[in-house]
Amino acid sequence: MCILRAMPAGSTPPDSRPICVTGASGFVGSHVLRELLARGYNVRGTVRSLRDPAKTEHLRRIASELGAESCLELFAADLSVEGAFDEVLDGCRGLCHVASAAKLTADDPQREIIDVAVEGTKNVLRSAAKAKVERVILTSSIAAVIDERKGVAHTHTEEDWNEERDISRTPYTVSKALAERAAWELQAALPEDERFSMAAINPTVVLGPVYAEVHVRTTPALLCDLMRGKMPGTPKFFFSIVDVRDVAAAHVNALERPELEGRFILYNQGMWLKDIATTLRGRWADKPIPKRSIPNFVMYAFAMFDQRLNFAFLRRNLDVVRRIDASRSKNELGIDYRPIGETIIDSGQSFVDLGLA
């Protein structure tokens, strides 16, 4: 049990019952766990294996830096196993369900991506209902909101859903939409005495400082690859960005506001990839960060030899800027987004500090 630490003047100590964070070792999960500990919560974090130091060492380090070692418990739990979260969630007041399938492609996308995301979400939420958890914050994605088939003149809001169902083309984005829909359907079908209040967090591309090398396997890989010189140039891609620290704050703000339900898009600002590279190069001029842009026709030529690219993806994303309205996150969750340059530079600095760049 957490030994209550000094809280900021005027703040109210949180309920002592723990908050569970699934996928605590991941990029977003680690930051959510840190935000909870920093606000004085008891936290139960789930990881795939307690025997893997890559999954646990950085979490214990975060707790130590905050003087919150006694506030953190780690559990091993598998999303694919029904009932695996029963024990973890027993006695918890809240749940931040961050864990998710991270694969973008697979030989069998239905089994390896779709089923893992959907059934994993159902398994965790069923355990939450059994444990009578009061509040659930679901980490979803902008991928569950944006349907690339909608025109660029359309402004996406929380009312939009990705209706794409071609799992051979976009299994990951389909999985995010189906998993979030499954969560809302499961919540609505629960008996009144088991029903929890719920909010979904739908971030755009999440960047920011990493705590461990494993985090560079997700969206921060974009910046790390630029700093390592792995890109010969920058394609004309536009990225809608949000800082991982703002994502973490949104989770905890939503947790603390049980009257807020529904979806919350998190989006700070967009940048062209060439401008991201320029920002990094302004700080690390000695790194092999590309200076030139890659013409669109060259990208189409690459697509003939790189299975990660295809003509349909390029047509929908090259030179495309999508409109996104994140006003609800500001007006209701109270998110004051940090400067985008800070996000880019802090990301790069974390790679340097960990010896990854």
Protein backbone atom coordinates (compact mmCIF):
# COMPACT_ATOMS: atom_id res chain seq x y z
CA MET A 1 0.00 0.00 0.00
CA CYS A 2 1.25 3.43 -0.90
CA ILE A 3 2.63 5.60 1.85
CA LEU A 4 0.90 8.87 1.02
CA ARG A 5 3.41 11.45 -0.16
CA ALA A 6 3.23 15.22 0.13
CA MET A 7 0.61 16.56 -2.29
CA PRO A 8 0.49 20.01 -3.92
CA ALA A 9 -1.18 22.67 -1.79
CA GLY A 10 -4.95 22.63 -2.14
CA SER A 11 -5.10 19.20 -3.79
CA THR A 12 -7.19 16.31 -2.50
CA PRO A 13 -5.47 12.96 -1.89
CA PRO A 14 -6.91 10.29 -4.20
CA ASP A 15 -8.93 7.30 -3.09
CA SER A 16 -6.46 4.69 -1.75
CA ARG A 17 -7.97 1.89 -3.85
CA PRO A 18 -5.57 1.15 -6.73
CA ILE A 19 -5.87 2.01 -10.39
CA CYS A 20 -4.92 -0.75 -12.83
CA VAL A 21 -2.91 0.10 -15.95
CA THR A 22 -2.82 -2.66 -18.55
CA GLY A 23 0.12 -2.64 -20.94
CA ALA A 24 2.07 -0.66 -18.35
CA SER A 25 5.44 -1.40 -19.94
CA GLY A 26 4.47 0.13 -23.29
CA PHE A 27 5.17 3.66 -24.52
CA VAL A 28 1.79 5.17 -23.57
CA GLY A 29 1.25 2.81 -20.63
CA SER A 30 4.52 3.83 -18.96
CA HIS A 31 3.57 7.49 -19.11
CA VAL A 32 0.05 6.83 -17.80
CA LEU A 33 1.56 4.86 -14.92
CA ARG A 34 3.96 7.73 -14.19
CA GLU A 35 1.18 10.34 -14.23
CA LEU A 36 -0.88 8.30 -11.78
CA LEU A 37 2.04 7.79 -9.41
CA ALA A 38 2.92 11.49 -9.62
CA ARG A 39 -0.64 12.37 -8.54
CA GLY A 40 -0.43 10.05 -5.53
CA TYR A 41 -2.38 7.00 -6.74
CA ASN A 42 -1.70 3.37 -5.90
CA VAL A 43 -1.07 1.64 -9.22
CA ARG A 44 -1.24 -1.97 -10.38
CA GLY A 45 0.55 -2.33 -13.69
CA THR A 46 0.23 -5.37 -15.93
CA VAL A 47 3.01 -6.61 -18.20
CA ARG A 48 3.39 -9.71 -20.34
CA SER A 49 6.20 -11.15 -18.22
CA LEU A 50 7.64 -10.21 -14.84
CA ARG A 51 10.81 -12.12 -15.78
CA ASP A 52 11.68 -9.75 -18.63
CA PRO A 53 13.65 -6.74 -17.33
CA ALA A 54 12.84 -4.84 -20.52
CA LYS A 55 9.20 -4.87 -19.34
CA THR A 56 9.78 -3.95 -15.71
CA GLU A 57 13.06 -2.13 -15.01
CA HIS A 58 11.98 1.25 -16.38
CA LEU A 59 8.69 1.07 -14.44
CA ARG A 60 10.50 0.47 -11.16
CA ARG A 61 12.88 3.29 -12.05
CA ILE A 62 9.96 5.67 -12.63
CA ALA A 63 8.49 4.77 -9.24
CA SER A 64 11.88 5.21 -7.55
CA GLU A 65 12.43 8.64 -9.10
CA LEU A 66 9.04 9.74 -7.75
CA GLY A 67 9.64 8.21 -4.32
CA ALA A 68 6.65 5.97 -4.97
CA GLU A 69 8.09 2.45 -4.81
CA SER A 70 5.47 1.40 -2.26
CA CYS A 71 2.67 2.65 -4.53
CA LEU A 72 3.44 0.33 -7.44
CA GLU A 73 2.59 -3.35 -7.89
CA LEU A 74 3.37 -5.25 -11.08
CA PHE A 75 1.44 -8.29 -12.34
CA ALA A 76 1.83 -10.58 -15.32
CA ALA A 77 -1.36 -10.97 -17.36
CA ASP A 78 -2.18 -12.14 -20.88
CA LEU A 79 -4.88 -10.35 -22.89
CA SER A 80 -5.74 -13.52 -24.77
CA VAL A 81 -6.61 -15.51 -21.62
CA GLU A 82 -10.14 -15.09 -20.31
CA GLY A 83 -10.14 -14.32 -16.60
CA ALA A 84 -6.43 -13.42 -16.55
CA PHE A 85 -7.26 -9.99 -15.15
CA ASP A 86 -9.70 -11.11 -12.44
CA GLU A 87 -7.10 -11.15 -9.68
CA VAL A 88 -5.36 -7.97 -10.83
CA LEU A 89 -8.57 -5.94 -10.88
CA ASP A 90 -9.99 -7.27 -7.63
CA GLY A 91 -10.23 -4.28 -5.28
CA CYS A 92 -9.35 -1.70 -7.95
CA ARG A 93 -11.40 1.48 -8.22
CA GLY A 94 -10.38 2.31 -11.77
CA LEU A 95 -8.85 0.86 -14.90
CA CYS A 96 -6.78 2.44 -17.67
CA HIS A 97 -6.88 -0.20 -20.40
CA VAL A 98 -3.87 0.75 -22.52
CA ALA A 99 -2.68 -2.69 -23.67
CA SER A 100 -3.19 -3.43 -27.34
CA ALA A 101 -1.92 -5.53 -30.22
CA ALA A 102 0.99 -3.60 -31.73
CA LYS A 103 1.32 -5.50 -35.02
CA LEU A 104 0.67 -3.61 -38.25
CA THR A 105 0.87 -6.66 -40.52
CA ALA A 106 0.60 -10.43 -40.06
CA ASP A 107 0.27 -13.62 -42.07
CA ASP A 108 -3.15 -14.13 -40.51
CA PRO A 109 -4.41 -10.60 -39.68
CA GLN A 110 -7.78 -11.81 -38.43
CA ARG A 111 -6.28 -14.10 -35.80
CA GLU A 112 -3.09 -12.19 -34.97
CA ILE A 113 -4.39 -8.60 -34.99
CA ILE A 114 -8.20 -8.33 -35.08
CA ASP A 115 -9.04 -11.14 -32.64
CA VAL A 116 -6.25 -10.15 -30.23
CA ALA A 117 -7.50 -6.55 -30.09
CA VAL A 118 -11.22 -7.30 -29.85
CA GLU A 119 -11.17 -10.37 -27.60
CA GLY A 120 -8.41 -8.92 -25.45
CA THR A 121 -10.49 -5.81 -24.80
CA LYS A 122 -13.54 -7.91 -23.96
CA ASN A 123 -11.54 -10.11 -21.58
CA VAL A 124 -10.22 -7.13 -19.61
CA LEU A 125 -13.58 -5.36 -19.43
CA ARG A 126 -15.39 -8.52 -18.32
CA SER A 127 -12.89 -8.80 -15.46
CA ALA A 128 -13.49 -5.12 -14.64
CA ALA A 129 -17.22 -5.75 -14.44
CA LYS A 130 -16.72 -8.77 -12.16
CA ALA A 131 -14.50 -6.70 -9.87
CA LYS A 132 -17.08 -3.87 -9.86
CA VAL A 133 -14.51 -1.35 -11.08
CA GLU A 134 -16.16 2.06 -11.06
CA ARG A 135 -14.36 3.86 -13.88
CA VAL A 136 -12.68 2.67 -17.09
CA ILE A 137 -10.50 4.73 -19.42
CA LEU A 138 -10.00 2.97 -22.74
CA THR A 139 -6.99 3.82 -24.88
CA SER A 140 -8.29 3.79 -28.43
CA SER A 141 -6.84 5.64 -31.40
CA ILE A 142 -7.55 8.22 -34.07
CA ALA A 143 -7.48 5.13 -36.32
CA ALA A 144 -10.91 4.28 -34.89
CA VAL A 145 -12.16 7.71 -35.99
CA ILE A 146 -10.68 8.48 -39.40
CA ASP A 147 -11.91 6.63 -42.47
CA GLU A 148 -9.41 7.44 -45.22
CA ARG A 149 -12.18 7.22 -47.81
CA LYS A 150 -13.71 10.46 -46.51
CA GLY A 151 -12.61 13.57 -48.36
CA VAL A 152 -9.97 15.95 -47.03
CA ALA A 153 -12.63 18.65 -46.67
CA HIS A 154 -14.29 16.61 -43.90
CA THR A 155 -13.44 17.61 -40.33
CA HIS A 156 -13.26 14.54 -38.10
CA THR A 157 -14.82 14.68 -34.65
CA GLU A 158 -15.72 12.16 -31.96
CA GLU A 159 -18.92 11.45 -33.92
CA ASP A 160 -16.93 9.85 -36.75
CA TRP A 161 -16.06 6.16 -36.97
CA ASN A 162 -13.66 4.34 -39.23
CA GLU A 163 -15.95 2.05 -41.22
CA GLU A 164 -13.12 0.45 -43.24
CA ARG A 165 -13.29 -3.33 -43.00
CA ASP A 166 -10.62 -4.44 -45.49
CA ILE A 167 -8.33 -6.29 -43.08
CA SER A 168 -6.01 -7.34 -45.88
CA ARG A 169 -5.17 -3.66 -46.48
CA THR A 170 -5.40 -2.01 -43.05
CA PRO A 171 -5.71 -4.67 -40.31
CA TYR A 172 -4.37 -2.41 -37.53
CA THR A 173 -6.78 0.48 -38.12
CA VAL A 174 -9.70 -1.93 -38.50
CA SER A 175 -8.72 -3.59 -35.21
CA LYS A 176 -8.77 -0.27 -33.34
CA ALA A 177 -12.27 0.57 -34.56
CA LEU A 178 -13.66 -2.91 -33.86
CA ALA A 179 -12.06 -3.10 -30.41
CA GLU A 180 -13.47 0.26 -29.34
CA ARG A 181 -16.93 -0.59 -30.68
CA ALA A 182 -16.79 -3.91 -28.81
CA ALA A 183 -15.96 -2.05 -25.60
CA TRP A 184 -18.93 0.29 -25.87
CA GLU A 185 -21.26 -2.60 -26.75
CA LEU A 186 -20.04 -4.66 -23.81
CA GLN A 187 -20.46 -1.75 -21.39
CA ALA A 188 -24.00 -1.06 -22.61
CA ALA A 189 -24.99 -4.72 -22.17
CA LEU A 190 -23.75 -5.03 -18.58
CA PRO A 191 -26.25 -5.43 -15.75
CA GLU A 192 -26.74 -2.19 -13.82
CA ASP A 193 -24.89 -3.49 -10.75
CA GLU A 194 -21.78 -4.29 -12.83
CA ARG A 195 -21.73 -1.30 -15.14
CA PHE A 196 -18.79 1.08 -14.97
CA SER A 197 -18.60 4.59 -16.41
CA MET A 198 -16.23 4.80 -19.37
CA ALA A 199 -14.37 7.26 -21.58
CA ALA A 200 -12.27 6.48 -24.65
CA ILE A 201 -9.08 8.37 -25.49
CA ASN A 202 -8.40 8.65 -29.23
CA PRO A 203 -4.90 10.10 -29.77
CA THR A 204 -3.34 10.95 -33.11
CA VAL A 205 0.33 10.04 -33.73
CA VAL A 206 1.88 9.84 -30.24
CA LEU A 207 5.42 11.17 -29.86
CA GLY A 208 7.50 12.26 -26.88
CA PRO A 209 10.26 10.99 -24.60
CA VAL A 210 10.76 7.24 -24.32
CA TYR A 211 11.75 5.37 -21.14
CA ALA A 212 13.08 2.17 -22.71
CA GLU A 213 14.44 0.79 -25.96
CA VAL A 214 11.27 -1.25 -26.45
CA HIS A 215 9.31 2.00 -26.89
CA VAL A 216 11.18 2.75 -30.10
CA ARG A 217 9.33 -0.14 -31.74
CA THR A 218 6.19 2.03 -31.79
CA THR A 219 5.49 5.54 -33.13
CA PRO A 220 8.73 7.12 -31.76
CA ALA A 221 10.57 4.93 -34.29
CA LEU A 222 9.68 7.60 -36.85
CA LEU A 223 11.94 10.16 -35.16
CA CYS A 224 14.62 7.67 -34.18
CA ASP A 225 14.96 6.51 -37.78
CA LEU A 226 15.41 10.13 -38.89
CA MET A 227 18.19 10.65 -36.34
CA ARG A 228 19.91 7.39 -37.29
CA GLY A 229 19.94 8.31 -40.98
CA LYS A 230 17.75 5.36 -41.94
CA MET A 231 15.73 7.50 -44.34
CA PRO A 232 17.35 8.72 -47.58
CA GLY A 233 14.90 11.62 -47.59
CA THR A 234 11.49 12.67 -46.32
CA PRO A 235 8.31 11.62 -48.15
CA LYS A 236 5.54 14.19 -48.33
CA PHE A 237 3.64 12.83 -45.34
CA PHE A 238 1.78 15.02 -42.86
CA PHE A 239 1.62 13.77 -39.26
CA SER A 240 -1.06 14.81 -36.76
CA ILE A 241 0.87 14.77 -33.48
CA VAL A 242 0.16 14.67 -29.75
CA ASP A 243 2.67 14.46 -26.91
CA VAL A 244 2.61 11.23 -24.89
CA ARG A 245 2.70 13.28 -21.67
CA ASP A 246 -0.49 15.06 -22.73
CA VAL A 247 -2.02 11.67 -23.55
CA ALA A 248 -1.15 10.47 -20.03
CA ALA A 249 -2.63 13.60 -18.46
CA ALA A 250 -5.82 13.09 -20.46
CA HIS A 251 -6.19 9.54 -19.12
CA VAL A 252 -5.91 10.66 -15.52
CA ASN A 253 -8.06 13.76 -16.02
CA ALA A 254 -10.76 11.54 -17.52
CA LEU A 255 -10.37 9.06 -14.67
CA GLU A 256 -10.99 11.86 -12.19
CA ARG A 257 -14.10 13.11 -14.02
CA PRO A 258 -16.57 10.19 -13.94
CA GLU A 259 -19.35 12.43 -15.27
CA LEU A 260 -17.49 12.62 -18.60
CA GLU A 261 -18.35 9.78 -20.95
CA GLY A 262 -17.81 9.13 -24.63
CA ARG A 263 -14.79 9.70 -26.82
CA PHE A 264 -12.01 12.31 -26.66
CA ILE A 265 -9.76 12.99 -29.64
CA LEU A 266 -6.27 14.12 -28.62
CA TYR A 267 -4.48 16.22 -31.22
CA ASN A 268 -2.11 19.10 -30.78
CA GLN A 269 -0.63 20.10 -34.12
CA GLY A 270 0.36 18.66 -37.47
CA MET A 271 3.78 18.75 -39.12
CA TRP A 272 5.17 17.66 -42.45
CA LEU A 273 7.89 15.04 -42.08
CA LYS A 274 10.45 17.41 -43.63
CA ASP A 275 9.67 19.98 -40.89
CA ILE A 276 10.09 17.34 -38.18
CA ALA A 277 13.50 16.53 -39.68
CA THR A 278 14.41 20.23 -39.77
CA THR A 279 13.48 20.62 -36.08
CA LEU A 280 15.69 17.68 -35.11
CA ARG A 281 18.56 18.86 -37.29
CA GLY A 282 18.44 22.27 -35.62
CA ARG A 283 19.39 20.58 -32.34
CA TRP A 284 21.56 17.72 -33.62
CA ALA A 285 23.40 19.02 -36.66
CA ASP A 286 25.93 16.18 -36.33
CA LYS A 287 23.32 13.49 -36.90
CA PRO A 288 22.65 12.07 -40.41
CA ILE A 289 19.15 13.56 -40.52
CA PRO A 290 17.94 13.82 -44.16
CA LYS A 291 17.70 17.25 -45.75
CA ARG A 292 16.00 16.45 -49.03
CA SER A 293 12.40 15.49 -49.80
CA ILE A 294 11.46 12.39 -51.75
CA PRO A 295 9.26 13.15 -54.78
CA ASN A 296 5.92 11.37 -54.88
CA PHE A 297 6.73 9.42 -58.05
CA VAL A 298 9.78 7.93 -56.29
CA MET A 299 7.56 6.75 -53.45
CA TYR A 300 5.32 4.97 -55.94
CA ALA A 301 8.43 3.31 -57.38
CA PHE A 302 9.46 2.19 -53.87
CA ALA A 303 6.00 0.67 -53.40
CA MET A 304 6.71 -1.85 -56.14
CA PHE A 305 9.53 -3.32 -54.04
CA ASP A 306 8.43 -2.65 -50.42
CA GLN A 307 5.47 -4.68 -49.16
CA ARG A 308 4.88 -2.15 -46.34
CA LEU A 309 3.75 0.35 -48.97
CA ASN A 310 1.00 0.06 -51.55
CA PHE A 311 -0.47 2.38 -54.14
CA ALA A 312 -3.78 2.73 -52.29
CA PHE A 313 -2.03 3.85 -49.08
CA LEU A 314 0.14 6.34 -50.96
CA ARG A 315 -2.82 7.80 -52.88
CA ARG A 316 -4.66 8.39 -49.61
CA ASN A 317 -1.73 9.81 -47.66
CA LEU A 318 0.88 11.48 -49.83
CA ASP A 319 0.40 15.28 -49.80
CA VAL A 320 -2.77 14.81 -47.73
CA VAL A 321 -3.74 16.86 -44.67
CA ARG A 322 -6.79 15.63 -42.74
CA ARG A 323 -8.88 17.95 -40.60
CA ILE A 324 -9.33 16.97 -36.96
CA ASP A 325 -11.29 18.74 -34.23
CA ALA A 326 -9.86 18.11 -30.74
CA SER A 327 -11.72 20.93 -28.99
CA ARG A 328 -13.49 18.54 -26.62
CA SER A 329 -10.15 17.51 -25.08
CA LYS A 330 -9.41 21.16 -24.31
CA ASN A 331 -12.84 22.29 -23.20
CA GLU A 332 -13.88 19.26 -21.13
CA LEU A 333 -10.70 17.36 -20.21
CA GLY A 334 -8.75 20.58 -19.65
CA ILE A 335 -5.74 19.57 -21.76
CA ASP A 336 -3.33 22.44 -22.39
CA TYR A 337 -1.13 21.01 -25.12
CA ARG A 338 2.60 21.61 -24.80
CA PRO A 339 4.53 23.19 -27.71
CA ILE A 340 5.08 20.78 -30.57
CA GLY A 341 8.78 21.67 -30.81
CA GLU A 342 9.19 20.55 -27.20
CA THR A 343 7.66 17.19 -28.11
CA ILE A 344 10.09 16.67 -31.01
CA ILE A 345 13.22 17.76 -29.13
CA ASP A 346 12.36 15.85 -25.94
CA SER A 347 11.83 12.73 -28.05
CA GLY A 348 15.25 13.11 -29.62
CA GLN A 349 16.92 13.81 -26.29
CA SER A 350 15.49 10.62 -24.81
CA PHE A 351 17.01 8.61 -27.69
CA VAL A 352 20.38 10.23 -27.01
CA ASP A 353 20.12 9.62 -23.26
CA LEU A 354 19.36 5.93 -23.82
CA GLY A 355 22.10 5.51 -26.42
CA LEU A 356 19.59 4.79 -29.18
CA ALA A 357 20.58 7.57 -31.59
